[in-house]
């Protein structure tokens, strides 16, 4: 399989056979372009936002294939890799937006780009749009395309970056809708998370492995850390990390009543490497040190 390192937007344009109107950004309709070369791995150094239509072949990110049909949006960030495996009769469809990080330097989008966590979602966590949502995204693509067709002036950068930011904000809204419409699936994931959290501390995992991370539970549930964290936050109002910490505090309160165990023993059982870290966390959440809490009760 061929590996292609895409450092410039123009390189992607050349692969697709489209004109480069601006060295740092490209917007085009895939139906007027060539298919990406088959059996290749594309290493991105810039952002890519893909809105697909119809049967779009097969894209692979990490170990999973994209759930990648009509009205699907995929987000690629610098440093990520896409694997392309197309059928013989594959035809390009949909819309593509590419932009280099240098394009948005000094803008509010540059400051906020890391807040769009869906750039780090896994393949099976793509965004699926309704027809109305697709039209909103298409309109914004058209606005970007129009702006690129004009002569560059002092307003170009802010208009382009603001339009991309607006597009991404709409995608945040659409993902919120997707979380809501998949409520049954989300509730099942939340239930499994709670069971996994209980099992972790009931077993000797904490003593052997230490404090669990959000990524640990996300991996067990076959989700990316960002998608899992966003899902838990939207379902409960608390972050996954807050859920882990709340479980720790509740277990610590229960175990502190066992006067046959020292605070250091309890800290070790809960996965803390150093008792002072446990003491600090406990006081921050209860207002008391573990010894003070034991004496009060």
Protein backbone atom coordinates (compact mmCIF):
# COMPACT_ATOMS: atom_id res chain seq x y z
CA UNK A 1 0.00 0.00 0.00
CA UNK A 2 1.35 3.42 -1.00
CA UNK A 3 1.85 6.12 1.66
CA UNK A 4 1.35 9.72 0.59
CA UNK A 5 2.31 12.54 2.94
CA UNK A 6 0.11 15.55 2.25
CA UNK A 7 1.92 18.62 3.56
CA UNK A 8 0.23 21.15 1.28
CA UNK A 9 -3.35 21.67 0.13
CA UNK A 10 -2.05 21.84 -3.45
CA UNK A 11 -0.88 18.20 -3.21
CA UNK A 12 -4.42 17.02 -2.48
CA UNK A 13 -5.76 19.21 -5.29
CA UNK A 14 -3.29 17.58 -7.69
CA UNK A 15 -4.43 14.10 -6.62
CA UNK A 16 -8.03 15.13 -7.31
CA UNK A 17 -7.24 17.06 -10.50
CA UNK A 18 -8.78 20.33 -9.30
CA UNK A 19 -7.56 23.91 -9.65
CA UNK A 20 -5.76 25.56 -6.73
CA UNK A 21 -7.34 28.97 -6.15
CA UNK A 22 -5.59 29.60 -2.84
CA UNK A 23 -2.49 27.81 -1.47
CA UNK A 24 -3.96 27.39 2.02
CA UNK A 25 -7.60 26.48 1.31
CA UNK A 26 -9.56 24.51 -1.26
CA UNK A 27 -13.30 23.97 -1.74
CA UNK A 28 -14.64 21.78 -4.53
CA UNK A 29 -17.35 19.42 -5.70
CA UNK A 30 -15.99 15.88 -5.89
CA UNK A 31 -18.22 14.99 -8.84
CA UNK A 32 -15.97 17.24 -10.95
CA UNK A 33 -12.77 15.61 -9.70
CA UNK A 34 -10.77 12.39 -10.01
CA UNK A 35 -11.11 9.62 -7.38
CA UNK A 36 -8.35 9.45 -4.80
CA UNK A 37 -5.71 6.86 -5.71
CA UNK A 38 -6.79 3.41 -4.55
CA UNK A 39 -4.96 1.37 -1.89
CA UNK A 40 -3.21 4.41 -0.41
CA UNK A 41 -2.70 5.85 3.03
CA UNK A 42 -2.98 9.64 3.11
CA UNK A 43 -1.09 11.39 5.93
CA UNK A 44 -2.64 14.84 6.49
CA UNK A 45 -0.82 17.99 7.60
CA UNK A 46 -3.96 20.13 7.26
CA UNK A 47 -7.68 19.97 8.05
CA UNK A 48 -10.18 18.23 5.78
CA UNK A 49 -13.97 18.30 6.01
CA UNK A 50 -15.81 15.92 3.69
CA UNK A 51 -19.54 15.90 2.96
CA UNK A 52 -20.35 12.79 1.00
CA UNK A 53 -23.28 11.89 -1.22
CA UNK A 54 -24.32 8.45 -2.46
CA UNK A 55 -22.04 5.43 -2.32
CA UNK A 56 -18.64 6.85 -1.50
CA UNK A 57 -16.38 3.84 -1.54
CA UNK A 58 -14.45 2.91 1.56
CA UNK A 59 -12.39 5.11 3.84
CA UNK A 60 -10.58 3.67 6.81
CA UNK A 61 -9.36 5.60 9.83
CA UNK A 62 -7.41 3.64 12.43
CA UNK A 63 -8.78 0.10 12.60
CA UNK A 64 -12.33 0.90 11.53
CA UNK A 65 -14.13 1.67 8.27
CA UNK A 66 -16.16 4.84 8.06
CA UNK A 67 -19.92 4.52 8.31
CA UNK A 68 -19.82 6.57 5.19
CA UNK A 69 -23.01 6.93 3.15
CA UNK A 70 -25.22 9.70 1.76
CA UNK A 71 -25.19 12.83 3.91
CA UNK A 72 -22.21 11.78 6.03
CA UNK A 73 -19.62 14.26 7.27
CA UNK A 74 -16.07 13.26 8.13
CA UNK A 75 -13.51 15.49 9.86
CA UNK A 76 -9.76 15.01 9.51
CA UNK A 77 -7.14 16.95 11.51
CA UNK A 78 -3.40 17.40 10.93
CA UNK A 79 -1.50 14.27 11.93
CA UNK A 80 -4.31 11.87 11.05
CA UNK A 81 -4.22 9.15 8.40
CA UNK A 82 -6.96 8.01 6.01
CA UNK A 83 -6.79 4.74 4.10
CA UNK A 84 -8.50 4.72 0.70
CA UNK A 85 -9.98 1.48 -0.70
CA UNK A 86 -12.32 2.11 -3.63
CA UNK A 87 -14.23 -0.30 -5.85
CA UNK A 88 -13.51 -0.45 -9.59
CA UNK A 89 -16.66 1.49 -10.50
CA UNK A 90 -16.22 4.12 -7.78
CA UNK A 91 -17.11 7.72 -8.67
CA UNK A 92 -16.29 10.76 -6.52
CA UNK A 93 -19.28 12.54 -5.00
CA UNK A 94 -20.03 15.18 -2.39
CA UNK A 95 -18.06 18.23 -1.28
CA UNK A 96 -14.56 18.75 0.11
CA UNK A 97 -13.11 21.57 2.21
CA UNK A 98 -9.39 21.64 2.96
CA UNK A 99 -7.61 24.31 4.98
CA UNK A 100 -4.09 24.57 6.34
CA UNK A 101 -3.50 25.68 9.98
CA UNK A 102 -1.53 28.66 8.62
CA UNK A 103 -4.74 30.01 7.06
CA UNK A 104 -6.42 30.59 10.43
CA UNK A 105 -3.47 31.82 12.52
CA UNK A 106 -4.40 34.93 14.48
CA UNK A 107 -8.16 34.29 14.19
CA UNK A 108 -10.76 33.17 16.73
CA UNK A 109 -11.00 29.88 14.83
CA UNK A 110 -7.30 29.22 15.46
CA UNK A 111 -7.83 29.82 19.19
CA UNK A 112 -10.92 27.61 19.31
CA UNK A 113 -10.12 24.84 16.82
CA UNK A 114 -9.18 22.32 19.54
CA UNK A 115 -12.65 22.68 21.07
CA UNK A 116 -14.16 20.89 18.06
CA UNK A 117 -13.57 17.45 19.51
CA UNK A 118 -15.18 15.65 16.55
CA UNK A 119 -11.90 16.08 14.65
CA UNK A 120 -10.65 13.27 16.91
CA UNK A 121 -13.68 10.98 16.73
CA UNK A 122 -13.26 7.46 15.42
CA UNK A 123 -14.49 6.25 12.04
CA UNK A 124 -17.79 4.80 13.25
CA UNK A 125 -18.63 8.09 14.97
CA UNK A 126 -19.12 10.15 11.78
CA UNK A 127 -21.86 12.80 11.58
CA UNK A 128 -25.04 11.84 9.67
CA UNK A 129 -27.07 14.79 8.40
CA UNK A 130 -30.74 15.24 7.62
CA UNK A 131 -31.65 16.81 4.27
CA UNK A 132 -32.17 20.22 5.89
CA UNK A 133 -28.84 19.96 7.68
CA UNK A 134 -27.12 18.98 4.46
CA UNK A 135 -28.50 22.09 2.77
CA UNK A 136 -27.12 24.35 5.52
CA UNK A 137 -23.67 22.82 5.08
CA UNK A 138 -23.88 23.06 1.29
CA UNK A 139 -24.80 26.75 1.53
CA UNK A 140 -21.72 27.41 3.65
CA UNK A 141 -19.52 25.49 1.20
CA UNK A 142 -20.98 27.69 -1.56
CA UNK A 143 -20.16 30.85 0.42
CA UNK A 144 -16.57 29.71 0.81
CA UNK A 145 -16.36 28.84 -2.87
CA UNK A 146 -17.72 32.27 -3.80
CA UNK A 147 -15.24 34.05 -1.52
CA UNK A 148 -12.33 32.15 -3.06
CA UNK A 149 -13.47 33.21 -6.54
CA UNK A 150 -13.10 36.88 -5.57
CA UNK A 151 -9.90 38.90 -5.51
CA UNK A 152 -8.07 38.52 -2.19
CA UNK A 153 -8.23 41.66 -0.04
CA UNK A 154 -7.82 42.61 3.64
CA UNK A 155 -11.24 41.16 4.48
CA UNK A 156 -10.74 37.76 2.85
CA UNK A 157 -9.05 36.00 5.77
CA UNK A 158 -11.62 37.01 8.39
CA UNK A 159 -14.59 36.20 6.14
CA UNK A 160 -13.18 32.77 5.24
CA UNK A 161 -12.21 31.84 8.81
CA UNK A 162 -15.55 33.10 10.19
CA UNK A 163 -17.45 31.02 7.61
CA UNK A 164 -15.46 27.88 8.50
CA UNK A 165 -16.09 28.58 12.18
CA UNK A 166 -19.82 28.97 11.49
CA UNK A 167 -19.79 25.66 9.60
CA UNK A 168 -18.08 23.91 12.52
CA UNK A 169 -20.53 25.45 15.03
CA UNK A 170 -23.42 24.08 12.98
CA UNK A 171 -21.72 20.67 13.13
CA UNK A 172 -21.57 20.94 16.93
CA UNK A 173 -25.34 21.52 16.89
CA UNK A 174 -25.92 18.60 14.50
CA UNK A 175 -23.81 16.28 16.66
CA UNK A 176 -25.89 17.34 19.67
CA UNK A 177 -28.97 16.35 17.69
CA UNK A 178 -27.35 13.03 16.77
CA UNK A 179 -26.58 12.31 20.43
CA UNK A 180 -30.24 12.98 21.28
CA UNK A 181 -31.71 10.89 18.44
CA UNK A 182 -29.47 7.99 19.45
CA UNK A 183 -30.59 8.22 23.07
CA UNK A 184 -31.26 4.47 23.46
CA UNK A 185 -27.71 3.65 22.32
CA UNK A 186 -26.28 6.39 24.53
CA UNK A 187 -28.18 5.17 27.60
CA UNK A 188 -26.80 1.68 27.00
CA UNK A 189 -23.25 3.08 26.79
CA UNK A 190 -23.78 5.03 30.02
CA UNK A 191 -25.07 1.90 31.77
CA UNK A 192 -22.07 -0.11 30.55
CA UNK A 193 -19.72 2.64 31.73
CA UNK A 194 -21.21 2.50 35.22
CA UNK A 195 -20.83 -1.29 35.32
CA UNK A 196 -17.24 -1.09 34.11
CA UNK A 197 -16.49 1.59 36.70
CA UNK A 198 -17.93 -0.57 39.49
CA UNK A 199 -16.09 -3.67 38.28
CA UNK A 200 -12.79 -1.81 38.10
CA UNK A 201 -12.84 -0.90 41.78
CA UNK A 202 -14.43 -4.14 43.00
CA UNK A 203 -11.58 -6.09 41.38
CA UNK A 204 -7.90 -5.54 42.11
CA UNK A 205 -7.43 -3.51 38.93
CA UNK A 206 -7.00 -0.26 40.82
CA UNK A 207 -4.25 -1.71 43.01
CA UNK A 208 -2.46 -3.25 40.03
CA UNK A 209 -3.04 -0.63 37.34
CA UNK A 210 -3.63 2.59 39.29
CA UNK A 211 -6.33 5.17 38.69
CA UNK A 212 -8.36 4.53 35.52
CA UNK A 213 -8.40 7.07 32.71
CA UNK A 214 -11.30 8.15 30.50
CA UNK A 215 -9.43 6.56 27.59
CA UNK A 216 -9.38 3.20 29.39
CA UNK A 217 -13.19 3.01 29.54
CA UNK A 218 -13.61 4.49 26.06
CA UNK A 219 -11.41 1.73 24.63
CA UNK A 220 -13.46 -0.97 26.39
CA UNK A 221 -16.60 0.53 24.84
CA UNK A 222 -14.93 0.76 21.39
CA UNK A 223 -15.22 4.55 21.28
CA UNK A 224 -12.73 7.36 20.91
CA UNK A 225 -11.97 9.25 24.12
CA UNK A 226 -13.42 12.49 22.74
CA UNK A 227 -16.67 10.94 21.49
CA UNK A 228 -17.12 9.00 24.73
CA UNK A 229 -16.43 12.11 26.82
CA UNK A 230 -18.85 14.24 24.80
CA UNK A 231 -21.55 11.57 24.96
CA UNK A 232 -21.30 11.20 28.76
CA UNK A 233 -21.29 14.99 29.22
CA UNK A 234 -24.41 15.45 27.06
CA UNK A 235 -26.25 12.56 28.73
CA UNK A 236 -25.48 13.45 32.36
CA UNK A 237 -24.19 17.01 32.52
CA UNK A 238 -20.96 15.70 34.08
CA UNK A 239 -17.75 14.77 32.31
CA UNK A 240 -16.51 11.18 32.28
CA UNK A 241 -13.60 12.29 34.47
CA UNK A 242 -16.06 13.76 36.99
CA UNK A 243 -17.91 10.42 37.06
CA UNK A 244 -14.67 8.60 37.83
CA UNK A 245 -13.78 11.08 40.57
CA UNK A 246 -17.28 10.89 42.09
CA UNK A 247 -16.99 7.10 42.23
CA UNK A 248 -13.60 7.48 43.94
CA UNK A 249 -14.97 9.88 46.54
CA UNK A 250 -18.00 7.68 47.34
CA UNK A 251 -15.84 4.58 47.70
CA UNK A 252 -13.32 6.48 49.81
CA UNK A 253 -16.06 7.68 52.17
CA UNK A 254 -17.28 4.10 52.61
CA UNK A 255 -13.82 2.62 53.19
CA UNK A 256 -12.67 5.31 55.60
CA UNK A 257 -15.20 3.91 58.08
CA UNK A 258 -13.11 0.72 58.22
CA UNK A 259 -10.80 1.74 61.07
CA UNK A 260 -8.74 -1.42 60.70
CA UNK A 261 -7.28 0.06 57.50
CA UNK A 262 -4.93 3.02 57.40
CA UNK A 263 -5.59 5.92 55.05
CA UNK A 264 -2.50 4.84 53.08
CA UNK A 265 -3.97 1.35 52.59
CA UNK A 266 -7.26 2.80 51.35
CA UNK A 267 -5.43 5.15 49.00
CA UNK A 268 -3.46 2.20 47.56
CA UNK A 269 -6.62 0.08 47.12
CA UNK A 270 -8.24 2.91 45.16
CA UNK A 271 -5.28 3.18 42.80
CA UNK A 272 -3.37 6.13 44.25
CA UNK A 273 0.39 5.78 44.03
CA UNK A 274 0.99 8.34 46.76
CA UNK A 275 -1.28 8.81 49.84
CA UNK A 276 -0.78 12.59 49.76
CA UNK A 277 -2.46 12.72 46.34
CA UNK A 278 -5.43 10.87 47.79
CA UNK A 279 -5.56 13.22 50.78
CA UNK A 280 -5.47 16.27 48.53
CA UNK A 281 -8.25 14.94 46.27
CA UNK A 282 -10.42 13.94 49.23
CA UNK A 283 -10.12 17.32 50.97
CA UNK A 284 -10.79 19.20 47.74
CA UNK A 285 -14.07 17.32 47.31
CA UNK A 286 -15.27 17.05 50.92
CA UNK A 287 -13.61 19.90 52.78
CA UNK A 288 -11.98 17.43 55.18
CA UNK A 289 -8.87 15.31 55.23
CA UNK A 290 -9.55 11.54 55.39
CA UNK A 291 -8.56 11.44 59.09
CA UNK A 292 -10.84 14.42 59.90
CA UNK A 293 -13.71 12.77 58.03
CA UNK A 294 -13.18 9.49 59.90
CA UNK A 295 -13.17 11.29 63.25
CA UNK A 296 -16.32 13.25 62.38
CA UNK A 297 -18.20 10.03 61.66
